Amino acid sequence: MIAREVAVLGLRAIAAASNVVISATIWGKLKFNVQVAGITLAILRPQVRLGSLWLDEWAMLAVAVVSAASAVDYFARFGDLIRAGR
């Protein structure tokens, strides 16, 4: 997840240098909300087991999937800024 943040931050910096504004998308907003839910569940650690994992572990898996999808969305939409900079 940290790699995603650094990569998107770099992409935003390249976009800013090109006078392009990257506004938050539904994926970025969803990522934030899923992270808040996951962290809250990790702190509270409810004793709820779903299959082989605890509820907070499932939430963290959801955080990882949504974070990756958000990064893919950013780079699919604005990856040409990186290629143009070469």
PDB file of N, CA and C in Angstrom:
ATOM      1  N   MET A   1       0.823  -1.187   0.000  1.00  0.00           N
ATOM      2  CA  MET A   1       0.000   0.000   0.000  1.00  0.00           C
ATOM      3  C   MET A   1       0.864   1.247   0.000  1.00  0.00           C
ATOM      4  N   ILE A   2       2.010   1.178   0.655  1.00  0.00           N
ATOM      5  CA  ILE A   2       2.899   2.332   0.677  1.00  0.00           C
ATOM      6  C   ILE A   2       3.442   2.588  -0.721  1.00  0.00           C
ATOM      7  N   ALA A   3       3.751   1.519  -1.449  1.00  0.00           N
ATOM      8  CA  ALA A   3       4.255   1.672  -2.815  1.00  0.00           C
ATOM      9  C   ALA A   3       3.217   2.359  -3.689  1.00  0.00           C
ATOM     10  N   ARG A   4       1.952   2.039  -3.489  1.00  0.00           N
ATOM     11  CA  ARG A   4       0.886   2.682  -4.260  1.00  0.00           C
ATOM     12  C   ARG A   4       0.853   4.161  -3.971  1.00  0.00           C
ATOM     13  N   GLU A   5       0.952   4.531  -2.708  1.00  0.00           N
ATOM     14  CA  GLU A   5       0.911   5.948  -2.329  1.00  0.00           C
ATOM     15  C   GLU A   5       2.076   6.714  -2.941  1.00  0.00           C
ATOM     16  N   VAL A   6       3.270   6.134  -2.893  1.00  0.00           N
ATOM     17  CA  VAL A   6       4.457   6.790  -3.452  1.00  0.00           C
ATOM     18  C   VAL A   6       4.320   6.913  -4.968  1.00  0.00           C
ATOM     19  N   ALA A   7       3.834   5.863  -5.622  1.00  0.00           N
ATOM     20  CA  ALA A   7       3.679   5.892  -7.076  1.00  0.00           C
ATOM     21  C   ALA A   7       2.658   6.943  -7.503  1.00  0.00           C
ATOM     22  N   VAL A   8       1.526   7.000  -6.823  1.00  0.00           N
ATOM     23  CA  VAL A   8       0.501   7.980  -7.174  1.00  0.00           C
ATOM     24  C   VAL A   8       0.982   9.393  -6.844  1.00  0.00           C
ATOM     25  N   LEU A   9       1.718   9.548  -5.759  1.00  0.00           N
ATOM     26  CA  LEU A   9       2.286  10.854  -5.424  1.00  0.00           C
ATOM     27  C   LEU A   9       3.239  11.317  -6.527  1.00  0.00           C
ATOM     28  N   GLY A  10       4.072  10.409  -7.023  1.00  0.00           N
ATOM     29  CA  GLY A  10       4.972  10.740  -8.128  1.00  0.00           C
ATOM     30  C   GLY A  10       4.205  11.100  -9.385  1.00  0.00           C
ATOM     31  N   LEU A  11       3.146  10.346  -9.668  1.00  0.00           N
ATOM     32  CA  LEU A  11       2.312  10.637 -10.826  1.00  0.00           C
ATOM     33  C   LEU A  11       1.672  12.009 -10.698  1.00  0.00           C
ATOM     34  N   ARG A  12       1.189  12.333  -9.509  1.00  0.00           N
ATOM     35  CA  ARG A  12       0.598  13.659  -9.284  1.00  0.00           C
ATOM     36  C   ARG A  12       1.632  14.768  -9.457  1.00  0.00           C
ATOM     37  N   ALA A  13       2.875  14.525  -9.044  1.00  0.00           N
ATOM     38  CA  ALA A  13       3.934  15.525  -9.203  1.00  0.00           C
ATOM     39  C   ALA A  13       4.242  15.756 -10.684  1.00  0.00           C
ATOM     40  N   ILE A  14       4.305  14.666 -11.446  1.00  0.00           N
ATOM     41  CA  ILE A  14       4.531  14.788 -12.892  1.00  0.00           C
ATOM     42  C   ILE A  14       3.371  15.541 -13.538  1.00  0.00           C
ATOM     43  N   ALA A  15       2.153  15.212 -13.124  1.00  0.00           N
ATOM     44  CA  ALA A  15       0.985  15.895 -13.668  1.00  0.00           C
ATOM     45  C   ALA A  15       1.011  17.385 -13.336  1.00  0.00           C
ATOM     46  N   ALA A  16       1.376  17.720 -12.104  1.00  0.00           N
ATOM     47  CA  ALA A  16       1.436  19.129 -11.695  1.00  0.00           C
ATOM     48  C   ALA A  16       2.471  19.887 -12.516  1.00  0.00           C
ATOM     49  N   ALA A  17       3.601  19.248 -12.800  1.00  0.00           N
ATOM     50  CA  ALA A  17       4.638  19.884 -13.618  1.00  0.00           C
ATOM     51  C   ALA A  17       4.149  20.112 -15.044  1.00  0.00           C
ATOM     52  N   SER A  18       3.177  19.313 -15.474  1.00  0.00           N
ATOM     53  CA  SER A  18       2.604  19.450 -16.818  1.00  0.00           C
ATOM     54  C   SER A  18       1.315  20.270 -16.802  1.00  0.00           C
ATOM     55  N   ASN A  19       1.015  20.901 -15.664  1.00  0.00           N
ATOM     56  CA  ASN A  19      -0.214  21.687 -15.492  1.00  0.00           C
ATOM     57  C   ASN A  19      -1.479  20.862 -15.690  1.00  0.00           C
ATOM     58  N   VAL A  20      -1.425  19.606 -15.271  1.00  0.00           N
ATOM     59  CA  VAL A  20      -2.587  18.709 -15.336  1.00  0.00           C
ATOM     60  C   VAL A  20      -3.043  18.455 -13.911  1.00  0.00           C
ATOM     61  N   VAL A  21      -4.334  18.611 -13.679  1.00  0.00           N
ATOM     62  CA  VAL A  21      -4.898  18.364 -12.350  1.00  0.00           C
ATOM     63  C   VAL A  21      -5.485  16.962 -12.322  1.00  0.00           C
ATOM     64  N   ILE A  22      -5.084  16.187 -11.340  1.00  0.00           N
ATOM     65  CA  ILE A  22      -5.642  14.849 -11.149  1.00  0.00           C
ATOM     66  C   ILE A  22      -6.573  14.926  -9.946  1.00  0.00           C
ATOM     67  N   SER A  23      -7.850  14.927 -10.219  1.00  0.00           N
ATOM     68  CA  SER A  23      -8.813  14.966  -9.119  1.00  0.00           C
ATOM     69  C   SER A  23      -9.090  13.553  -8.625  1.00  0.00           C
ATOM     70  N   ALA A  24      -9.590  13.472  -7.417  1.00  0.00           N
ATOM     71  CA  ALA A  24      -9.894  12.167  -6.830  1.00  0.00           C
ATOM     72  C   ALA A  24     -11.040  11.513  -7.596  1.00  0.00           C
ATOM     73  N   THR A  25     -10.917  10.208  -7.781  1.00  0.00           N
ATOM     74  CA  THR A  25     -11.965   9.444  -8.462  1.00  0.00           C
ATOM     75  C   THR A  25     -12.732   8.639  -7.422  1.00  0.00           C
ATOM     76  N   ILE A  26     -13.725   7.942  -7.886  1.00  0.00           N
ATOM     77  CA  ILE A  26     -14.480   7.078  -6.987  1.00  0.00           C
ATOM     78  C   ILE A  26     -13.567   6.024  -6.366  1.00  0.00           C
ATOM     79  N   TRP A  27     -12.540   5.562  -7.121  1.00  0.00           N
ATOM     80  CA  TRP A  27     -11.616   4.558  -6.587  1.00  0.00           C
ATOM     81  C   TRP A  27     -10.802   5.122  -5.432  1.00  0.00           C
ATOM     82  N   GLY A  28     -10.343   6.366  -5.561  1.00  0.00           N
ATOM     83  CA  GLY A  28      -9.583   6.982  -4.483  1.00  0.00           C
ATOM     84  C   GLY A  28     -10.435   7.180  -3.234  1.00  0.00           C
ATOM     85  N   LYS A  29     -11.668   7.586  -3.448  1.00  0.00           N
ATOM     86  CA  LYS A  29     -12.586   7.791  -2.318  1.00  0.00           C
ATOM     87  C   LYS A  29     -12.944   6.456  -1.662  1.00  0.00           C
ATOM     88  N   LEU A  30     -13.164   5.444  -2.496  1.00  0.00           N
ATOM     89  CA  LEU A  30     -13.456   4.115  -1.956  1.00  0.00           C
ATOM     90  C   LEU A  30     -12.258   3.581  -1.174  1.00  0.00           C
ATOM     91  N   LYS A  31     -11.055   3.796  -1.711  1.00  0.00           N
ATOM     92  CA  LYS A  31      -9.832   3.347  -1.027  1.00  0.00           C
ATOM     93  C   LYS A  31      -9.748   3.951   0.368  1.00  0.00           C
ATOM     94  N   PHE A  32      -9.993   5.251   0.465  1.00  0.00           N
ATOM     95  CA  PHE A  32      -9.930   5.916   1.764  1.00  0.00           C
ATOM     96  C   PHE A  32     -10.927   5.302   2.741  1.00  0.00           C
ATOM     97  N   ASN A  33     -12.157   5.126   2.304  1.00  0.00           N
ATOM     98  CA  ASN A  33     -13.189   4.594   3.200  1.00  0.00           C
ATOM     99  C   ASN A  33     -12.916   3.155   3.613  1.00  0.00           C
ATOM    100  N   VAL A  34     -12.425   2.350   2.687  1.00  0.00           N
ATOM    101  CA  VAL A  34     -12.093   0.960   3.015  1.00  0.00           C
ATOM    102  C   VAL A  34     -10.914   0.928   3.990  1.00  0.00           C
ATOM    103  N   GLN A  35      -9.943   1.839   3.805  1.00  0.00           N
ATOM    104  CA  GLN A  35      -8.814   1.916   4.748  1.00  0.00           C
ATOM    105  C   GLN A  35      -9.289   2.286   6.146  1.00  0.00           C
ATOM    106  N   VAL A  36     -10.182   3.257   6.243  1.00  0.00           N
ATOM    107  CA  VAL A  36     -10.701   3.657   7.555  1.00  0.00           C
ATOM    108  C   VAL A  36     -11.409   2.484   8.225  1.00  0.00           C
ATOM    109  N   ALA A  37     -12.243   1.783   7.461  1.00  0.00           N
ATOM    110  CA  ALA A  37     -12.951   0.624   8.024  1.00  0.00           C
ATOM    111  C   ALA A  37     -11.964  -0.461   8.440  1.00  0.00           C
ATOM    112  N   GLY A  38     -10.972  -0.734   7.596  1.00  0.00           N
ATOM    113  CA  GLY A  38      -9.985  -1.769   7.913  1.00  0.00           C
ATOM    114  C   GLY A  38      -9.163  -1.449   9.142  1.00  0.00           C
ATOM    115  N   ILE A  39      -8.710  -0.206   9.239  1.00  0.00           N
ATOM    116  CA  ILE A  39      -7.917   0.200  10.405  1.00  0.00           C
ATOM    117  C   ILE A  39      -8.758   0.172  11.671  1.00  0.00           C
ATOM    118  N   THR A  40     -10.005   0.629  11.557  1.00  0.00           N
ATOM    119  CA  THR A  40     -10.900   0.602  12.722  1.00  0.00           C
ATOM    120  C   THR A  40     -11.106  -0.836  13.194  1.00  0.00           C
ATOM    121  N   LEU A  41     -11.342  -1.743  12.262  1.00  0.00           N
ATOM    122  CA  LEU A  41     -11.521  -3.143  12.639  1.00  0.00           C
ATOM    123  C   LEU A  41     -10.239  -3.737  13.216  1.00  0.00           C
ATOM    124  N   ALA A  42      -9.094  -3.337  12.684  1.00  0.00           N
ATOM    125  CA  ALA A  42      -7.825  -3.848  13.212  1.00  0.00           C
ATOM    126  C   ALA A  42      -7.601  -3.361  14.643  1.00  0.00           C
ATOM    127  N   ILE A  43      -7.994  -2.124  14.928  1.00  0.00           N
ATOM    128  CA  ILE A  43      -7.835  -1.590  16.285  1.00  0.00           C
ATOM    129  C   ILE A  43      -8.801  -2.283  17.246  1.00  0.00           C
ATOM    130  N   LEU A  44     -10.045  -2.419  16.825  1.00  0.00           N
ATOM    131  CA  LEU A  44     -11.060  -3.020  17.703  1.00  0.00           C
ATOM    132  C   LEU A  44     -10.924  -4.535  17.804  1.00  0.00           C
ATOM    133  N   ARG A  45     -10.413  -5.150  16.752  1.00  0.00           N
ATOM    134  CA  ARG A  45     -10.206  -6.615  16.648  1.00  0.00           C
ATOM    135  C   ARG A  45     -11.400  -7.418  17.173  1.00  0.00           C
ATOM    136  N   PRO A  46     -12.547  -7.287  16.485  1.00  0.00           N
ATOM    137  CA  PRO A  46     -13.717  -8.065  16.925  1.00  0.00           C
ATOM    138  C   PRO A  46     -13.453  -9.560  16.753  1.00  0.00           C
ATOM    139  N   GLN A  47     -13.983 -10.321  17.652  1.00  0.00           N
ATOM    140  CA  GLN A  47     -13.780 -11.766  17.633  1.00  0.00           C
ATOM    141  C   GLN A  47     -14.766 -12.427  16.679  1.00  0.00           C
ATOM    142  N   VAL A  48     -14.690 -12.016  15.413  1.00  0.00           N
ATOM    143  CA  VAL A  48     -15.560 -12.555  14.366  1.00  0.00           C
ATOM    144  C   VAL A  48     -14.672 -13.252  13.350  1.00  0.00           C
ATOM    145  N   ARG A  49     -14.907 -14.527  13.195  1.00  0.00           N
ATOM    146  CA  ARG A  49     -14.101 -15.313  12.265  1.00  0.00           C
ATOM    147  C   ARG A  49     -14.980 -15.684  11.071  1.00  0.00           C
ATOM    148  N   LEU A  50     -14.477 -15.401   9.867  1.00  0.00           N
ATOM    149  CA  LEU A  50     -15.180 -15.746   8.633  1.00  0.00           C
ATOM    150  C   LEU A  50     -14.283 -16.700   7.849  1.00  0.00           C
ATOM    151  N   GLY A  51     -14.604 -17.957   7.922  1.00  0.00           N
ATOM    152  CA  GLY A  51     -13.743 -18.952   7.281  1.00  0.00           C
ATOM    153  C   GLY A  51     -12.425 -19.053   8.022  1.00  0.00           C
ATOM    154  N   SER A  52     -11.338 -18.928   7.279  1.00  0.00           N
ATOM    155  CA  SER A  52     -10.021 -19.107   7.889  1.00  0.00           C
ATOM    156  C   SER A  52      -9.408 -17.811   8.423  1.00  0.00           C
ATOM    157  N   LEU A  53     -10.090 -16.670   8.217  1.00  0.00           N
ATOM    158  CA  LEU A  53      -9.540 -15.378   8.640  1.00  0.00           C
ATOM    159  C   LEU A  53     -10.489 -14.639   9.572  1.00  0.00           C
ATOM    160  N   TRP A  54      -9.908 -13.752  10.372  1.00  0.00           N
ATOM    161  CA  TRP A  54     -10.698 -12.870  11.225  1.00  0.00           C
ATOM    162  C   TRP A  54     -11.268 -11.747  10.357  1.00  0.00           C
ATOM    163  N   LEU A  55     -12.321 -11.103  10.836  1.00  0.00           N
ATOM    164  CA  LEU A  55     -12.985 -10.035  10.101  1.00  0.00           C
ATOM    165  C   LEU A  55     -12.006  -8.920   9.714  1.00  0.00           C
ATOM    166  N   ASP A  56     -11.138  -8.522  10.646  1.00  0.00           N
ATOM    167  CA  ASP A  56     -10.191  -7.443  10.335  1.00  0.00           C
ATOM    168  C   ASP A  56      -9.174  -7.875   9.280  1.00  0.00           C
ATOM    169  N   GLU A  57      -8.850  -9.148   9.218  1.00  0.00           N
ATOM    170  CA  GLU A  57      -7.932  -9.638   8.185  1.00  0.00           C
ATOM    171  C   GLU A  57      -8.596  -9.588   6.804  1.00  0.00           C
ATOM    172  N   TRP A  58      -9.884  -9.933   6.738  1.00  0.00           N
ATOM    173  CA  TRP A  58     -10.614  -9.798   5.486  1.00  0.00           C
ATOM    174  C   TRP A  58     -10.668  -8.334   5.062  1.00  0.00           C
ATOM    175  N   ALA A  59     -10.872  -7.456   6.037  1.00  0.00           N
ATOM    176  CA  ALA A  59     -10.924  -6.022   5.729  1.00  0.00           C
ATOM    177  C   ALA A  59      -9.596  -5.540   5.161  1.00  0.00           C
ATOM    178  N   MET A  60      -8.485  -6.017   5.710  1.00  0.00           N
ATOM    179  CA  MET A  60      -7.170  -5.615   5.199  1.00  0.00           C
ATOM    180  C   MET A  60      -6.924  -6.166   3.796  1.00  0.00           C
ATOM    181  N   LEU A  61      -7.443  -7.349   3.511  1.00  0.00           N
ATOM    182  CA  LEU A  61      -7.359  -7.871   2.138  1.00  0.00           C
ATOM    183  C   LEU A  61      -8.159  -6.983   1.189  1.00  0.00           C
ATOM    184  N   ALA A  62      -9.316  -6.526   1.647  1.00  0.00           N
ATOM    185  CA  ALA A  62     -10.119  -5.609   0.831  1.00  0.00           C
ATOM    186  C   ALA A  62      -9.368  -4.302   0.601  1.00  0.00           C
ATOM    187  N   VAL A  63      -8.681  -3.813   1.629  1.00  0.00           N
ATOM    188  CA  VAL A  63      -7.874  -2.596   1.488  1.00  0.00           C
ATOM    189  C   VAL A  63      -6.819  -2.796   0.410  1.00  0.00           C
ATOM    190  N   ALA A  64      -6.143  -3.920   0.432  1.00  0.00           N
ATOM    191  CA  ALA A  64      -5.086  -4.185  -0.558  1.00  0.00           C
ATOM    192  C   ALA A  64      -5.658  -4.248  -1.970  1.00  0.00           C
ATOM    193  N   VAL A  65      -6.790  -4.913  -2.147  1.00  0.00           N
ATOM    194  CA  VAL A  65      -7.396  -5.051  -3.477  1.00  0.00           C
ATOM    195  C   VAL A  65      -7.871  -3.695  -3.997  1.00  0.00           C
ATOM    196  N   VAL A  66      -8.561  -2.941  -3.170  1.00  0.00           N
ATOM    197  CA  VAL A  66      -9.076  -1.636  -3.603  1.00  0.00           C
ATOM    198  C   VAL A  66      -7.924  -0.668  -3.858  1.00  0.00           C
ATOM    199  N   SER A  67      -6.879  -0.717  -3.046  1.00  0.00           N
ATOM    200  CA  SER A  67      -5.710   0.139  -3.265  1.00  0.00           C
ATOM    201  C   SER A  67      -5.048  -0.175  -4.599  1.00  0.00           C
ATOM    202  N   ALA A  68      -4.898  -1.454  -4.904  1.00  0.00           N
ATOM    203  CA  ALA A  68      -4.303  -1.848  -6.185  1.00  0.00           C
ATOM    204  C   ALA A  68      -5.184  -1.408  -7.351  1.00  0.00           C
ATOM    205  N   ALA A  69      -6.486  -1.577  -7.220  1.00  0.00           N
ATOM    206  CA  ALA A  69      -7.407  -1.156  -8.281  1.00  0.00           C
ATOM    207  C   ALA A  69      -7.348   0.353  -8.483  1.00  0.00           C
ATOM    208  N   SER A  70      -7.226   1.085  -7.395  1.00  0.00           N
ATOM    209  CA  SER A  70      -7.114   2.543  -7.481  1.00  0.00           C
ATOM    210  C   SER A  70      -5.843   2.954  -8.216  1.00  0.00           C
ATOM    211  N   ALA A  71      -4.736   2.288  -7.925  1.00  0.00           N
ATOM    212  CA  ALA A  71      -3.473   2.597  -8.604  1.00  0.00           C
ATOM    213  C   ALA A  71      -3.575   2.290 -10.094  1.00  0.00           C
ATOM    214  N   VAL A  72      -4.171   1.152 -10.427  1.00  0.00           N
ATOM    215  CA  VAL A  72      -4.350   0.796 -11.831  1.00  0.00           C
ATOM    216  C   VAL A  72      -5.188   1.853 -12.539  1.00  0.00           C
ATOM    217  N   ASP A  73      -6.248   2.327 -11.885  1.00  0.00           N
ATOM    218  CA  ASP A  73      -7.102   3.361 -12.459  1.00  0.00           C
ATOM    219  C   ASP A  73      -6.309   4.646 -12.725  1.00  0.00           C
ATOM    220  N   TYR A  74      -5.534   5.088 -11.744  1.00  0.00           N
ATOM    221  CA  TYR A  74      -4.732   6.312 -11.916  1.00  0.00           C
ATOM    222  C   TYR A  74      -3.774   6.170 -13.098  1.00  0.00           C
ATOM    223  N   PHE A  75      -3.050   5.063 -13.151  1.00  0.00           N
ATOM    224  CA  PHE A  75      -2.048   4.905 -14.197  1.00  0.00           C
ATOM    225  C   PHE A  75      -2.680   4.632 -15.560  1.00  0.00           C
ATOM    226  N   ALA A  76      -3.858   4.035 -15.597  1.00  0.00           N
ATOM    227  CA  ALA A  76      -4.556   3.842 -16.869  1.00  0.00           C
ATOM    228  C   ALA A  76      -4.995   5.197 -17.427  1.00  0.00           C
ATOM    229  N   ARG A  77      -5.424   6.083 -16.541  1.00  0.00           N
ATOM    230  CA  ARG A  77      -5.898   7.387 -17.003  1.00  0.00           C
ATOM    231  C   ARG A  77      -4.773   8.380 -17.256  1.00  0.00           C
ATOM    232  N   PHE A  78      -3.702   8.308 -16.465  1.00  0.00           N
ATOM    233  CA  PHE A  78      -2.667   9.340 -16.550  1.00  0.00           C
ATOM    234  C   PHE A  78      -1.266   8.808 -16.808  1.00  0.00           C
ATOM    235  N   GLY A  79      -1.142   7.539 -17.128  1.00  0.00           N
ATOM    236  CA  GLY A  79       0.171   6.956 -17.411  1.00  0.00           C
ATOM    237  C   GLY A  79       0.856   7.585 -18.614  1.00  0.00           C
ATOM    238  N   ASP A  80       0.066   8.147 -19.534  1.00  0.00           N
ATOM    239  CA  ASP A  80       0.662   8.793 -20.702  1.00  0.00           C
ATOM    240  C   ASP A  80       1.514   9.993 -20.325  1.00  0.00           C
ATOM    241  N   LEU A  81       1.263  10.578 -19.164  1.00  0.00           N
ATOM    242  CA  LEU A  81       2.103  11.694 -18.686  1.00  0.00           C
ATOM    243  C   LEU A  81       3.533  11.220 -18.422  1.00  0.00           C
ATOM    244  N   ILE A  82       3.666  10.008 -17.936  1.00  0.00           N
ATOM    245  CA  ILE A  82       4.998   9.451 -17.669  1.00  0.00           C
ATOM    246  C   ILE A  82       5.696   9.154 -18.988  1.00  0.00           C
ATOM    247  N   ARG A  83       4.974   8.529 -19.910  1.00  0.00           N
ATOM    248  CA  ARG A  83       5.552   8.203 -21.213  1.00  0.00           C
ATOM    249  C   ARG A  83       5.919   9.484 -21.979  1.00  0.00           C
ATOM    250  N   ALA A  84       5.138  10.539 -21.857  1.00  0.00           N
ATOM    251  CA  ALA A  84       5.410  11.794 -22.551  1.00  0.00           C
ATOM    252  C   ALA A  84       6.649  12.482 -21.980  1.00  0.00           C
ATOM    253  N   GLY A  85       6.963  12.207 -20.726  1.00  0.00           N
ATOM    254  CA  GLY A  85       8.100  12.845 -20.076  1.00  0.00           C
ATOM    255  C   GLY A  85       9.441  12.258 -20.477  1.00  0.00           C
ATOM    256  N   ARG A  86       9.447  11.168 -21.193  1.00  0.00           N
ATOM    257  CA  ARG A  86      10.715  10.519 -21.583  1.00  0.00           C
ATOM    258  C   ARG A  86      11.396  11.254 -22.685  1.00  0.00           C
TER     259      ARG A  86
END
